[in-house]
């Protein structure tokens, strides 16, 4: 998928960090995440109970990811077996596949409940708290770990100027159905072409993409 060329120029989303539009983006994050937490609070409780009862393991998984001020813990409802790290470490074929794209199709570590949560992105609901406290944005580049950052090559510094998003250009234009290289292109396209209108457009597209449950695993 071609999204247009990207360059090493100063990203649009990072230009004028104190500009009215950038402040408006933060206001949208605070208002939107707070409203969503209140609206979906019954769903938070239901999912938490189901995850706990499924195997007795932890409810929340903390994923260490890259932000604009270093690394932080992004919260997710746990979708994998409690021994997921050990399963990956003990299976060379799985480990090699994971190291290529940092994703596994038909991942044997994912629980039955976790598969449903991932399909409809319900596992990402706790990230609304990350948005409220300013670590993430409602819309932004993909959330990535430190090992994934290497694959961004010359665009590493550009990526770190923008908060990762719960949803974003990649999520509504391909999700897991595109290669890692295409994901990088999409992230850079978003950063260089950011506008408040683009964020609103992505937010409006997200519910339908989530409802369809396509391209998520």
N, C-alpha and C. Protein backbone atom coordinates (compact mmCIF):
# COMPACT_ATOMS: atom_id res chain seq x y z
N UNK A 1 0.85 -1.20 0.00
CA UNK A 1 0.00 0.00 0.00
C UNK A 1 0.88 1.24 0.00
N UNK A 2 0.64 2.13 -0.93
CA UNK A 2 1.42 3.34 -1.02
C UNK A 2 0.67 4.49 -0.36
N UNK A 3 1.31 5.16 0.54
CA UNK A 3 0.66 6.27 1.24
C UNK A 3 1.35 7.58 0.92
N UNK A 4 2.24 7.54 -0.04
CA UNK A 4 2.97 8.76 -0.36
C UNK A 4 4.36 8.71 0.22
N UNK A 5 5.24 9.51 -0.32
CA UNK A 5 6.62 9.51 0.14
C UNK A 5 6.75 10.19 1.49
N UNK A 6 7.76 9.76 2.23
CA UNK A 6 8.05 10.39 3.51
C UNK A 6 9.48 10.87 3.48
N UNK A 7 9.79 11.84 4.30
CA UNK A 7 11.13 12.40 4.32
C UNK A 7 11.57 12.59 5.75
N UNK A 8 12.75 13.11 5.92
CA UNK A 8 13.26 13.37 7.27
C UNK A 8 12.99 14.80 7.71
N UNK A 9 12.09 15.49 7.02
CA UNK A 9 11.76 16.86 7.39
C UNK A 9 11.01 16.90 8.70
N UNK A 10 10.95 18.08 9.29
CA UNK A 10 10.28 18.24 10.58
C UNK A 10 8.82 17.86 10.45
N UNK A 11 8.31 16.92 11.27
CA UNK A 11 6.96 16.43 11.14
C UNK A 11 5.91 17.47 11.46
N UNK A 12 4.82 17.43 10.68
CA UNK A 12 3.75 18.40 10.86
C UNK A 12 3.11 18.34 12.23
N UNK A 13 2.94 17.11 12.77
CA UNK A 13 2.28 16.98 14.06
C UNK A 13 3.13 17.55 15.18
N UNK A 14 4.42 17.66 14.97
CA UNK A 14 5.29 18.17 16.04
C UNK A 14 5.57 19.66 15.90
N UNK A 15 5.18 20.23 14.77
CA UNK A 15 5.45 21.64 14.54
C UNK A 15 4.56 22.50 15.42
N UNK A 16 5.16 23.44 16.14
CA UNK A 16 4.37 24.33 16.99
C UNK A 16 3.69 23.60 18.11
N UNK A 17 4.51 22.98 18.96
CA UNK A 17 3.96 22.14 20.03
C UNK A 17 2.99 22.90 20.92
N UNK A 18 3.12 24.23 20.98
CA UNK A 18 2.23 25.03 21.82
C UNK A 18 1.19 25.77 20.99
N UNK A 19 1.03 25.37 19.74
CA UNK A 19 0.07 26.03 18.86
C UNK A 19 -1.36 25.75 19.32
N UNK A 20 -2.31 26.60 18.92
CA UNK A 20 -3.71 26.36 19.30
C UNK A 20 -4.22 24.98 18.88
N UNK A 21 -3.81 24.51 17.70
CA UNK A 21 -4.27 23.20 17.24
C UNK A 21 -3.70 22.08 18.10
N UNK A 22 -2.44 22.23 18.52
CA UNK A 22 -1.85 21.21 19.38
C UNK A 22 -2.52 21.20 20.75
N UNK A 23 -2.87 22.40 21.24
CA UNK A 23 -3.59 22.46 22.52
C UNK A 23 -4.98 21.86 22.35
N UNK A 24 -5.59 22.09 21.19
CA UNK A 24 -6.91 21.53 20.93
C UNK A 24 -6.85 20.00 20.89
N UNK A 25 -5.75 19.47 20.36
CA UNK A 25 -5.57 18.01 20.33
C UNK A 25 -5.52 17.45 21.75
N UNK A 26 -4.82 18.15 22.64
CA UNK A 26 -4.73 17.70 24.03
C UNK A 26 -6.08 17.80 24.73
N UNK A 27 -6.81 18.87 24.47
CA UNK A 27 -8.15 19.01 25.04
C UNK A 27 -9.05 17.87 24.57
N UNK A 28 -8.96 17.54 23.28
CA UNK A 28 -9.74 16.43 22.73
C UNK A 28 -9.36 15.13 23.43
N UNK A 29 -8.08 14.94 23.69
CA UNK A 29 -7.63 13.73 24.38
C UNK A 29 -8.23 13.63 25.78
N UNK A 30 -8.16 14.74 26.52
CA UNK A 30 -8.65 14.72 27.90
C UNK A 30 -10.16 14.51 27.94
N UNK A 31 -10.88 15.30 27.16
CA UNK A 31 -12.35 15.20 27.15
C UNK A 31 -12.79 13.84 26.61
N UNK A 32 -12.18 13.42 25.50
CA UNK A 32 -12.57 12.17 24.87
C UNK A 32 -12.28 10.96 25.74
N UNK A 33 -11.09 10.90 26.34
CA UNK A 33 -10.73 9.74 27.16
C UNK A 33 -11.55 9.69 28.45
N UNK A 34 -11.78 10.85 29.07
CA UNK A 34 -12.58 10.89 30.29
C UNK A 34 -14.01 10.45 30.02
N UNK A 35 -14.59 10.96 28.94
CA UNK A 35 -15.95 10.58 28.58
C UNK A 35 -16.05 9.09 28.27
N UNK A 36 -15.04 8.56 27.57
CA UNK A 36 -15.05 7.14 27.21
C UNK A 36 -14.91 6.26 28.45
N UNK A 37 -14.07 6.67 29.40
CA UNK A 37 -13.91 5.89 30.63
C UNK A 37 -15.24 5.82 31.39
N UNK A 38 -15.93 6.95 31.48
CA UNK A 38 -17.22 6.98 32.17
C UNK A 38 -18.26 6.15 31.41
N UNK A 39 -18.29 6.29 30.10
CA UNK A 39 -19.27 5.58 29.28
C UNK A 39 -19.07 4.07 29.31
N UNK A 40 -17.80 3.65 29.25
CA UNK A 40 -17.52 2.22 29.16
C UNK A 40 -17.17 1.58 30.50
N UNK A 41 -17.38 2.29 31.60
CA UNK A 41 -17.03 1.74 32.91
C UNK A 41 -17.71 0.39 33.19
N UNK A 42 -18.99 0.18 32.81
CA UNK A 42 -19.57 -1.16 33.01
C UNK A 42 -18.85 -2.23 32.19
N UNK A 43 -18.42 -1.86 30.97
CA UNK A 43 -17.70 -2.81 30.12
C UNK A 43 -16.33 -3.13 30.71
N UNK A 44 -15.67 -2.13 31.31
CA UNK A 44 -14.40 -2.36 31.99
C UNK A 44 -14.57 -3.46 33.04
N UNK A 45 -15.62 -3.34 33.83
CA UNK A 45 -15.87 -4.29 34.92
C UNK A 45 -16.14 -5.69 34.37
N UNK A 46 -16.98 -5.78 33.34
CA UNK A 46 -17.33 -7.08 32.76
C UNK A 46 -16.09 -7.77 32.19
N UNK A 47 -15.30 -7.01 31.41
CA UNK A 47 -14.09 -7.60 30.81
C UNK A 47 -13.12 -8.05 31.90
N UNK A 48 -12.94 -7.23 32.92
CA UNK A 48 -12.02 -7.57 34.01
C UNK A 48 -12.43 -8.88 34.68
N UNK A 49 -13.72 -9.04 34.93
CA UNK A 49 -14.22 -10.26 35.58
C UNK A 49 -14.00 -11.48 34.68
N UNK A 50 -14.32 -11.33 33.40
CA UNK A 50 -14.17 -12.44 32.45
C UNK A 50 -12.71 -12.86 32.32
N UNK A 51 -11.80 -11.89 32.22
CA UNK A 51 -10.37 -12.21 32.10
C UNK A 51 -9.89 -12.95 33.34
N UNK A 52 -10.30 -12.49 34.51
CA UNK A 52 -9.87 -13.12 35.76
C UNK A 52 -10.41 -14.54 35.89
N UNK A 53 -11.67 -14.72 35.55
CA UNK A 53 -12.30 -16.04 35.70
C UNK A 53 -11.80 -17.02 34.65
N UNK A 54 -11.28 -16.54 33.55
CA UNK A 54 -10.87 -17.43 32.45
C UNK A 54 -9.73 -18.36 32.85
N UNK A 55 -8.75 -17.85 33.61
CA UNK A 55 -7.63 -18.70 34.01
C UNK A 55 -7.01 -18.30 35.34
N UNK A 56 -7.60 -17.31 35.99
CA UNK A 56 -7.09 -16.90 37.30
C UNK A 56 -5.86 -16.01 37.26
N UNK A 57 -5.38 -15.67 36.07
CA UNK A 57 -4.18 -14.86 35.94
C UNK A 57 -4.47 -13.38 36.13
N UNK A 58 -3.45 -12.54 35.94
CA UNK A 58 -3.62 -11.09 36.09
C UNK A 58 -4.65 -10.54 35.10
N UNK A 59 -5.31 -9.46 35.49
CA UNK A 59 -6.30 -8.82 34.61
C UNK A 59 -5.62 -7.88 33.64
N UNK A 60 -4.66 -7.12 34.12
CA UNK A 60 -3.99 -6.09 33.31
C UNK A 60 -2.59 -6.53 32.91
N UNK A 61 -2.27 -6.27 31.65
CA UNK A 61 -0.91 -6.49 31.14
C UNK A 61 -0.27 -5.12 30.90
N UNK A 62 0.93 -4.95 31.41
CA UNK A 62 1.66 -3.69 31.20
C UNK A 62 2.70 -3.91 30.11
N UNK A 63 2.54 -3.17 29.03
CA UNK A 63 3.48 -3.29 27.93
C UNK A 63 4.41 -2.09 27.93
N UNK A 64 5.70 -2.34 27.99
CA UNK A 64 6.69 -1.26 28.03
C UNK A 64 6.90 -0.73 26.61
N UNK A 65 6.53 0.52 26.38
CA UNK A 65 6.56 1.07 25.03
C UNK A 65 7.28 2.42 25.00
N UNK A 66 7.53 2.90 23.78
CA UNK A 66 8.24 4.16 23.56
C UNK A 66 7.27 5.33 23.54
N UNK A 67 7.60 6.39 24.28
CA UNK A 67 6.80 7.60 24.27
C UNK A 67 7.65 8.80 23.94
N UNK A 68 7.10 9.98 24.06
CA UNK A 68 7.85 11.21 23.75
C UNK A 68 8.85 11.56 24.83
N UNK A 69 8.68 11.01 26.03
CA UNK A 69 9.60 11.29 27.14
C UNK A 69 10.24 10.00 27.66
N UNK A 70 10.59 9.11 26.75
CA UNK A 70 11.17 7.83 27.15
C UNK A 70 10.13 6.73 27.16
N UNK A 71 10.42 5.65 27.88
CA UNK A 71 9.51 4.52 27.92
C UNK A 71 8.47 4.68 29.04
N UNK A 72 7.32 4.02 28.84
CA UNK A 72 6.29 4.01 29.86
C UNK A 72 5.49 2.71 29.74
N UNK A 73 4.69 2.41 30.74
CA UNK A 73 3.84 1.22 30.73
C UNK A 73 2.48 1.55 30.13
N UNK A 74 2.17 0.91 29.00
CA UNK A 74 0.85 1.05 28.39
C UNK A 74 -0.03 -0.08 28.92
N UNK A 75 -1.22 0.26 29.38
CA UNK A 75 -2.10 -0.73 29.99
C UNK A 75 -3.01 -1.40 28.96
N UNK A 76 -3.16 -2.72 29.11
CA UNK A 76 -4.07 -3.48 28.26
C UNK A 76 -4.71 -4.58 29.11
N UNK A 77 -5.91 -4.98 28.74
CA UNK A 77 -6.45 -6.18 29.36
C UNK A 77 -5.63 -7.36 28.85
N UNK A 78 -5.25 -8.25 29.74
CA UNK A 78 -4.40 -9.37 29.36
C UNK A 78 -5.13 -10.30 28.40
N UNK A 79 -4.47 -10.63 27.30
CA UNK A 79 -5.06 -11.52 26.29
C UNK A 79 -4.26 -12.80 26.10
N UNK A 80 -3.11 -12.90 26.77
CA UNK A 80 -2.25 -14.07 26.62
C UNK A 80 -2.19 -14.91 27.89
N UNK A 81 -1.75 -16.13 27.71
CA UNK A 81 -1.54 -17.01 28.85
C UNK A 81 -0.51 -16.40 29.80
N UNK A 82 -0.63 -16.69 31.10
CA UNK A 82 0.35 -16.15 32.05
C UNK A 82 1.79 -16.55 31.74
N UNK A 83 1.98 -17.70 31.06
CA UNK A 83 3.33 -18.17 30.73
C UNK A 83 3.70 -17.85 29.28
N UNK A 84 3.14 -16.78 28.71
CA UNK A 84 3.34 -16.45 27.31
C UNK A 84 4.81 -16.25 26.95
N UNK A 85 5.56 -15.58 27.81
CA UNK A 85 6.98 -15.33 27.53
C UNK A 85 7.77 -16.63 27.46
N UNK A 86 7.43 -17.56 28.34
CA UNK A 86 8.12 -18.84 28.35
C UNK A 86 7.80 -19.65 27.10
N UNK A 87 6.54 -19.61 26.66
CA UNK A 87 6.14 -20.32 25.44
C UNK A 87 6.94 -19.82 24.24
N UNK A 88 7.09 -18.50 24.14
CA UNK A 88 7.85 -17.92 23.02
C UNK A 88 9.34 -18.28 23.12
N UNK A 89 9.88 -18.24 24.32
CA UNK A 89 11.30 -18.54 24.51
C UNK A 89 11.63 -19.99 24.18
N UNK A 90 10.67 -20.89 24.38
CA UNK A 90 10.91 -22.32 24.18
C UNK A 90 10.61 -22.80 22.77
N UNK A 91 10.12 -21.92 21.90
CA UNK A 91 9.75 -22.32 20.54
C UNK A 91 10.53 -21.47 19.54
N UNK A 92 11.55 -22.03 18.94
CA UNK A 92 12.43 -21.27 18.04
C UNK A 92 11.67 -20.75 16.83
N UNK A 93 10.78 -21.57 16.25
CA UNK A 93 10.04 -21.15 15.05
C UNK A 93 9.15 -19.95 15.35
N UNK A 94 8.46 -20.00 16.47
CA UNK A 94 7.62 -18.87 16.87
C UNK A 94 8.45 -17.63 17.12
N UNK A 95 9.59 -17.83 17.77
CA UNK A 95 10.46 -16.71 18.12
C UNK A 95 10.99 -16.02 16.86
N UNK A 96 11.37 -16.80 15.85
CA UNK A 96 11.88 -16.23 14.60
C UNK A 96 10.79 -15.47 13.85
N UNK A 97 9.58 -16.01 13.87
CA UNK A 97 8.45 -15.33 13.22
C UNK A 97 8.14 -14.02 13.93
N UNK A 98 8.18 -14.04 15.25
CA UNK A 98 7.89 -12.85 16.04
C UNK A 98 8.94 -11.77 15.80
N UNK A 99 10.19 -12.15 15.70
CA UNK A 99 11.26 -11.19 15.51
C UNK A 99 11.21 -10.50 14.16
N UNK A 100 10.53 -11.12 13.18
CA UNK A 100 10.40 -10.50 11.85
C UNK A 100 9.39 -9.37 11.87
N UNK A 101 8.22 -9.59 12.46
CA UNK A 101 7.14 -8.60 12.40
C UNK A 101 6.60 -8.18 13.76
N UNK A 102 7.14 -8.77 14.85
CA UNK A 102 6.68 -8.47 16.21
C UNK A 102 5.18 -8.76 16.37
N UNK A 103 4.69 -9.69 15.55
CA UNK A 103 3.33 -10.19 15.64
C UNK A 103 3.33 -11.65 15.22
N UNK A 104 2.40 -12.43 15.76
CA UNK A 104 2.26 -13.82 15.39
C UNK A 104 0.83 -14.08 14.94
N UNK A 105 0.67 -14.55 13.70
CA UNK A 105 -0.66 -14.93 13.26
C UNK A 105 -0.97 -16.31 13.84
N UNK A 106 -2.19 -16.50 14.30
CA UNK A 106 -2.57 -17.75 14.99
C UNK A 106 -1.65 -17.99 16.19
N UNK A 107 -1.46 -16.97 16.97
CA UNK A 107 -0.57 -16.99 18.13
C UNK A 107 -1.09 -17.97 19.18
N UNK A 108 -0.33 -19.04 19.47
CA UNK A 108 -0.80 -20.04 20.44
C UNK A 108 -0.82 -19.54 21.88
N UNK A 109 -0.24 -18.36 22.12
CA UNK A 109 -0.20 -17.82 23.48
C UNK A 109 -1.49 -17.10 23.85
N UNK A 110 -2.31 -16.76 22.86
CA UNK A 110 -3.53 -16.00 23.12
C UNK A 110 -4.64 -16.90 23.63
N UNK A 111 -5.31 -16.47 24.67
CA UNK A 111 -6.41 -17.24 25.24
C UNK A 111 -7.67 -17.09 24.40
N UNK A 112 -8.66 -17.92 24.66
CA UNK A 112 -9.94 -17.81 23.93
C UNK A 112 -10.59 -16.45 24.19
N UNK A 113 -10.59 -16.05 25.45
CA UNK A 113 -11.14 -14.73 25.78
C UNK A 113 -10.30 -13.65 25.12
N UNK A 114 -8.99 -13.81 25.15
CA UNK A 114 -8.09 -12.83 24.56
C UNK A 114 -8.31 -12.64 23.07
N UNK A 115 -8.62 -13.72 22.36
CA UNK A 115 -8.85 -13.63 20.92
C UNK A 115 -10.06 -12.74 20.62
N UNK A 116 -11.10 -12.86 21.44
CA UNK A 116 -12.29 -12.04 21.25
C UNK A 116 -11.98 -10.58 21.58
N UNK A 117 -11.27 -10.36 22.67
CA UNK A 117 -10.91 -8.99 23.06
C UNK A 117 -10.08 -8.32 21.98
N UNK A 118 -9.13 -9.06 21.40
CA UNK A 118 -8.28 -8.49 20.36
C UNK A 118 -9.06 -8.20 19.08
N UNK A 119 -9.96 -9.10 18.72
CA UNK A 119 -10.72 -8.92 17.48
C UNK A 119 -11.47 -7.60 17.48
N UNK A 120 -12.02 -7.25 18.63
CA UNK A 120 -12.81 -6.01 18.73
C UNK A 120 -12.09 -4.91 19.49
N UNK A 121 -10.77 -5.07 19.67
CA UNK A 121 -9.91 -4.06 20.30
C UNK A 121 -10.34 -3.71 21.72
N UNK A 122 -11.06 -4.59 22.39
CA UNK A 122 -11.48 -4.33 23.76
C UNK A 122 -10.32 -4.39 24.73
N UNK A 123 -9.25 -5.09 24.34
CA UNK A 123 -8.08 -5.19 25.22
C UNK A 123 -7.40 -3.84 25.39
N UNK A 124 -7.66 -2.90 24.48
CA UNK A 124 -6.98 -1.61 24.52
C UNK A 124 -7.72 -0.55 25.34
N UNK A 125 -8.88 -0.89 25.87
CA UNK A 125 -9.66 0.09 26.65
C UNK A 125 -8.87 0.72 27.80
N UNK A 126 -8.06 -0.05 28.55
CA UNK A 126 -7.32 0.58 29.66
C UNK A 126 -6.34 1.67 29.22
N UNK A 127 -6.00 1.71 27.93
CA UNK A 127 -5.10 2.76 27.45
C UNK A 127 -5.73 4.14 27.52
N UNK A 128 -7.03 4.19 27.73
CA UNK A 128 -7.70 5.48 27.92
C UNK A 128 -7.10 6.20 29.14
N UNK A 129 -6.64 5.45 30.13
CA UNK A 129 -6.01 6.05 31.30
C UNK A 129 -4.63 6.61 30.93
N UNK A 130 -3.93 5.95 30.01
CA UNK A 130 -2.66 6.48 29.51
C UNK A 130 -2.87 7.80 28.79
N UNK A 131 -4.00 7.91 28.08
CA UNK A 131 -4.32 9.15 27.36
C UNK A 131 -4.63 10.26 28.36
N UNK A 132 -5.43 9.95 29.36
CA UNK A 132 -5.82 10.94 30.36
C UNK A 132 -4.60 11.55 31.06
N UNK A 133 -3.60 10.72 31.36
CA UNK A 133 -2.43 11.23 32.08
C UNK A 133 -1.36 11.77 31.14
N UNK A 134 -1.63 11.81 29.84
CA UNK A 134 -0.73 12.48 28.91
C UNK A 134 0.36 11.64 28.28
N UNK A 135 0.36 10.33 28.51
CA UNK A 135 1.39 9.47 27.92
C UNK A 135 1.06 9.08 26.48
N UNK A 136 -0.23 9.02 26.18
CA UNK A 136 -0.70 8.64 24.85
C UNK A 136 -1.71 9.65 24.35
N UNK A 137 -2.11 9.49 23.11
CA UNK A 137 -3.15 10.32 22.51
C UNK A 137 -4.24 9.40 21.99
N UNK A 138 -5.44 9.95 21.81
CA UNK A 138 -6.50 9.14 21.20
C UNK A 138 -6.08 8.70 19.81
N UNK A 139 -5.43 9.61 19.06
CA UNK A 139 -4.98 9.32 17.70
C UNK A 139 -3.48 9.58 17.62
N UNK A 140 -2.75 8.65 17.03
CA UNK A 140 -1.31 8.83 16.90
C UNK A 140 -0.68 7.66 16.20
N UNK A 141 0.64 7.63 16.11
CA UNK A 141 1.34 6.48 15.53
C UNK A 141 1.10 5.22 16.36
N UNK A 142 1.49 4.09 15.81
CA UNK A 142 1.34 2.84 16.54
C UNK A 142 2.20 2.83 17.80
N UNK A 143 1.71 2.14 18.79
CA UNK A 143 2.46 1.93 20.02
C UNK A 143 3.50 0.85 19.76
N UNK A 144 4.78 1.15 20.02
CA UNK A 144 5.83 0.17 19.75
C UNK A 144 6.77 0.03 20.95
N UNK A 145 7.47 -1.10 20.98
CA UNK A 145 8.45 -1.36 22.02
C UNK A 145 9.83 -0.92 21.54
N UNK A 146 10.80 -0.91 22.45
CA UNK A 146 12.16 -0.49 22.11
C UNK A 146 12.77 -1.35 21.00
N UNK A 147 12.62 -2.70 21.02
CA UNK A 147 13.19 -3.50 19.93
C UNK A 147 12.59 -3.17 18.57
N UNK A 148 11.31 -2.78 18.53
CA UNK A 148 10.68 -2.43 17.26
C UNK A 148 11.22 -1.12 16.70
N UNK A 149 11.69 -0.23 17.56
CA UNK A 149 12.14 1.08 17.13
C UNK A 149 13.26 0.99 16.09
N UNK A 150 14.08 -0.04 16.20
CA UNK A 150 15.20 -0.22 15.27
C UNK A 150 14.71 -0.30 13.83
N UNK A 151 13.53 -0.90 13.62
CA UNK A 151 13.00 -1.08 12.27
C UNK A 151 12.56 0.24 11.64
N UNK A 152 12.54 1.32 12.42
CA UNK A 152 12.15 2.62 11.88
C UNK A 152 13.34 3.35 11.26
N UNK A 153 14.54 2.80 11.41
CA UNK A 153 15.71 3.37 10.76
C UNK A 153 15.89 4.85 11.00
N UNK A 154 15.99 5.62 9.89
CA UNK A 154 16.22 7.07 9.98
C UNK A 154 15.03 7.83 10.56
N UNK A 155 13.89 7.15 10.72
CA UNK A 155 12.68 7.83 11.21
C UNK A 155 12.48 7.68 12.72
N UNK A 156 13.47 7.11 13.41
CA UNK A 156 13.31 6.88 14.85
C UNK A 156 13.08 8.17 15.62
N UNK A 157 13.88 9.19 15.33
CA UNK A 157 13.74 10.45 16.05
C UNK A 157 12.40 11.11 15.76
N UNK A 158 11.95 11.03 14.51
CA UNK A 158 10.67 11.61 14.14
C UNK A 158 9.53 10.94 14.90
N UNK A 159 9.59 9.63 15.00
CA UNK A 159 8.53 8.90 15.68
C UNK A 159 8.41 9.32 17.14
N UNK A 160 9.56 9.58 17.77
CA UNK A 160 9.55 9.90 19.20
C UNK A 160 9.10 11.33 19.49
N UNK A 161 8.77 12.11 18.46
CA UNK A 161 8.26 13.45 18.71
C UNK A 161 6.74 13.45 18.91
N UNK A 162 6.10 12.31 18.70
CA UNK A 162 4.64 12.23 18.72
C UNK A 162 4.18 11.12 19.66
N UNK A 163 3.18 11.41 20.46
CA UNK A 163 2.64 10.40 21.38
C UNK A 163 1.97 9.27 20.59
N UNK A 164 2.18 8.02 21.01
CA UNK A 164 1.46 6.92 20.35
C UNK A 164 -0.03 7.03 20.60
N UNK A 165 -0.82 6.49 19.69
CA UNK A 165 -2.27 6.62 19.80
C UNK A 165 -2.97 5.29 20.04
N UNK A 166 -4.15 5.37 20.65
CA UNK A 166 -5.00 4.18 20.77
C UNK A 166 -5.45 3.74 19.39
N UNK A 167 -5.78 4.72 18.56
CA UNK A 167 -6.09 4.45 17.16
C UNK A 167 -5.22 5.35 16.31
N UNK A 168 -5.24 5.13 15.01
CA UNK A 168 -4.39 5.93 14.15
C UNK A 168 -4.58 5.60 12.69
N UNK A 169 -3.75 6.20 11.86
CA UNK A 169 -3.85 6.01 10.40
C UNK A 169 -3.68 4.55 10.03
N UNK A 170 -2.73 3.88 10.68
CA UNK A 170 -2.49 2.47 10.39
C UNK A 170 -3.69 1.61 10.79
N UNK A 171 -4.29 1.89 11.94
CA UNK A 171 -5.39 1.08 12.43
C UNK A 171 -6.61 1.11 11.52
N UNK A 172 -6.84 2.23 10.84
CA UNK A 172 -8.02 2.32 9.98
C UNK A 172 -7.70 2.06 8.52
N UNK A 173 -6.43 1.75 8.22
CA UNK A 173 -6.04 1.53 6.83
C UNK A 173 -5.26 0.24 6.61
N UNK A 174 -5.45 -0.74 7.48
CA UNK A 174 -4.75 -1.98 7.24
C UNK A 174 -4.61 -2.88 8.45
N UNK A 175 -4.36 -2.31 9.61
CA UNK A 175 -4.11 -3.08 10.84
C UNK A 175 -3.06 -4.15 10.58
N UNK A 176 -3.32 -5.42 10.93
CA UNK A 176 -2.29 -6.44 10.83
C UNK A 176 -2.12 -6.99 9.42
N UNK A 177 -2.89 -6.51 8.46
CA UNK A 177 -2.86 -7.06 7.12
C UNK A 177 -1.76 -6.46 6.25
N UNK A 178 -0.96 -5.56 6.77
CA UNK A 178 0.12 -4.94 6.01
C UNK A 178 1.46 -5.32 6.64
N UNK A 179 2.52 -5.19 5.86
CA UNK A 179 3.85 -5.53 6.34
C UNK A 179 4.34 -4.49 7.35
N UNK A 180 5.42 -4.84 8.06
CA UNK A 180 5.97 -3.89 9.03
C UNK A 180 6.46 -2.63 8.34
N UNK A 181 7.08 -2.80 7.16
CA UNK A 181 7.55 -1.64 6.41
C UNK A 181 6.42 -0.70 6.04
N UNK A 182 5.27 -1.26 5.68
CA UNK A 182 4.11 -0.43 5.35
C UNK A 182 3.57 0.26 6.59
N UNK A 183 3.66 -0.40 7.73
CA UNK A 183 3.23 0.23 8.99
C UNK A 183 4.09 1.46 9.26
N UNK A 184 5.40 1.33 9.05
CA UNK A 184 6.31 2.46 9.25
C UNK A 184 5.92 3.61 8.32
N UNK A 185 5.66 3.30 7.04
CA UNK A 185 5.25 4.33 6.08
C UNK A 185 4.00 5.04 6.54
N UNK A 186 3.03 4.28 7.04
CA UNK A 186 1.77 4.87 7.48
C UNK A 186 1.96 5.78 8.69
N UNK A 187 2.81 5.35 9.61
CA UNK A 187 3.10 6.19 10.78
C UNK A 187 3.75 7.50 10.37
N UNK A 188 4.70 7.41 9.47
CA UNK A 188 5.39 8.62 9.01
C UNK A 188 4.46 9.52 8.20
N UNK A 189 3.58 8.92 7.40
CA UNK A 189 2.61 9.69 6.64
C UNK A 189 1.71 10.48 7.58
N UNK A 190 1.27 9.83 8.66
CA UNK A 190 0.41 10.51 9.63
C UNK A 190 1.14 11.68 10.28
N UNK A 191 2.38 11.44 10.72
CA UNK A 191 3.14 12.48 11.41
C UNK A 191 3.37 13.69 10.51
N UNK A 192 3.74 13.43 9.26
CA UNK A 192 4.07 14.53 8.35
C UNK A 192 2.82 15.26 7.84
N UNK A 193 1.68 14.59 7.88
CA UNK A 193 0.45 15.19 7.32
C UNK A 193 -0.60 15.45 8.38
N UNK A 194 -0.17 15.50 9.66
CA UNK A 194 -1.14 15.66 10.73
C UNK A 194 -1.92 16.96 10.61
N UNK A 195 -3.19 16.85 10.95
CA UNK A 195 -4.06 18.01 11.13
C UNK A 195 -5.15 17.61 12.11
N UNK A 196 -5.77 18.58 12.73
CA UNK A 196 -6.85 18.29 13.66
C UNK A 196 -7.99 17.59 12.93
N UNK A 197 -8.21 17.98 11.67
CA UNK A 197 -9.25 17.35 10.86
C UNK A 197 -8.93 15.88 10.61
N UNK A 198 -7.65 15.57 10.37
CA UNK A 198 -7.25 14.17 10.13
C UNK A 198 -7.53 13.33 11.37
N UNK A 199 -7.23 13.88 12.56
CA UNK A 199 -7.54 13.15 13.80
C UNK A 199 -9.04 12.87 13.91
N UNK A 200 -9.86 13.87 13.63
CA UNK A 200 -11.31 13.69 13.71
C UNK A 200 -11.79 12.64 12.71
N UNK A 201 -11.21 12.66 11.52
CA UNK A 201 -11.58 11.69 10.49
C UNK A 201 -11.24 10.27 10.93
N UNK A 202 -10.05 10.10 11.50
CA UNK A 202 -9.65 8.77 11.98
C UNK A 202 -10.54 8.31 13.13
N UNK A 203 -10.87 9.23 14.05
CA UNK A 203 -11.76 8.88 15.16
C UNK A 203 -13.13 8.44 14.66
N UNK A 204 -13.62 9.08 13.61
CA UNK A 204 -14.94 8.72 13.07
C UNK A 204 -14.90 7.38 12.35
N UNK A 205 -13.74 7.03 11.76
CA UNK A 205 -13.62 5.77 11.05
C UNK A 205 -13.40 4.58 11.99
N UNK A 206 -12.85 4.85 13.16
CA UNK A 206 -12.44 3.78 14.07
C UNK A 206 -13.58 2.87 14.54
N UNK A 207 -14.74 3.40 14.99
CA UNK A 207 -15.78 2.50 15.49
C UNK A 207 -16.22 1.46 14.47
N UNK A 208 -16.34 1.85 13.20
CA UNK A 208 -16.76 0.89 12.17
C UNK A 208 -15.70 -0.17 11.94
N UNK A 209 -14.42 0.24 11.94
CA UNK A 209 -13.34 -0.72 11.77
C UNK A 209 -13.31 -1.71 12.93
N UNK A 210 -13.53 -1.20 14.15
CA UNK A 210 -13.54 -2.06 15.33
C UNK A 210 -14.73 -3.02 15.27
N UNK A 211 -15.90 -2.51 14.88
CA UNK A 211 -17.11 -3.33 14.81
C UNK A 211 -16.94 -4.48 13.81
N UNK A 212 -16.29 -4.20 12.68
CA UNK A 212 -16.06 -5.23 11.68
C UNK A 212 -15.07 -6.28 12.16
N UNK A 213 -14.15 -5.86 13.03
CA UNK A 213 -13.20 -6.81 13.59
C UNK A 213 -12.26 -7.43 12.58
N UNK A 214 -11.97 -6.74 11.50
CA UNK A 214 -11.13 -7.27 10.45
C UNK A 214 -9.68 -6.84 10.64
N UNK A 215 -8.77 -7.75 10.32
CA UNK A 215 -7.34 -7.44 10.33
C UNK A 215 -6.73 -7.37 11.71
N UNK A 216 -7.44 -7.81 12.75
CA UNK A 216 -6.89 -7.78 14.10
C UNK A 216 -6.61 -9.19 14.58
N UNK A 217 -5.41 -9.39 15.16
CA UNK A 217 -5.08 -10.65 15.78
C UNK A 217 -3.95 -10.46 16.79
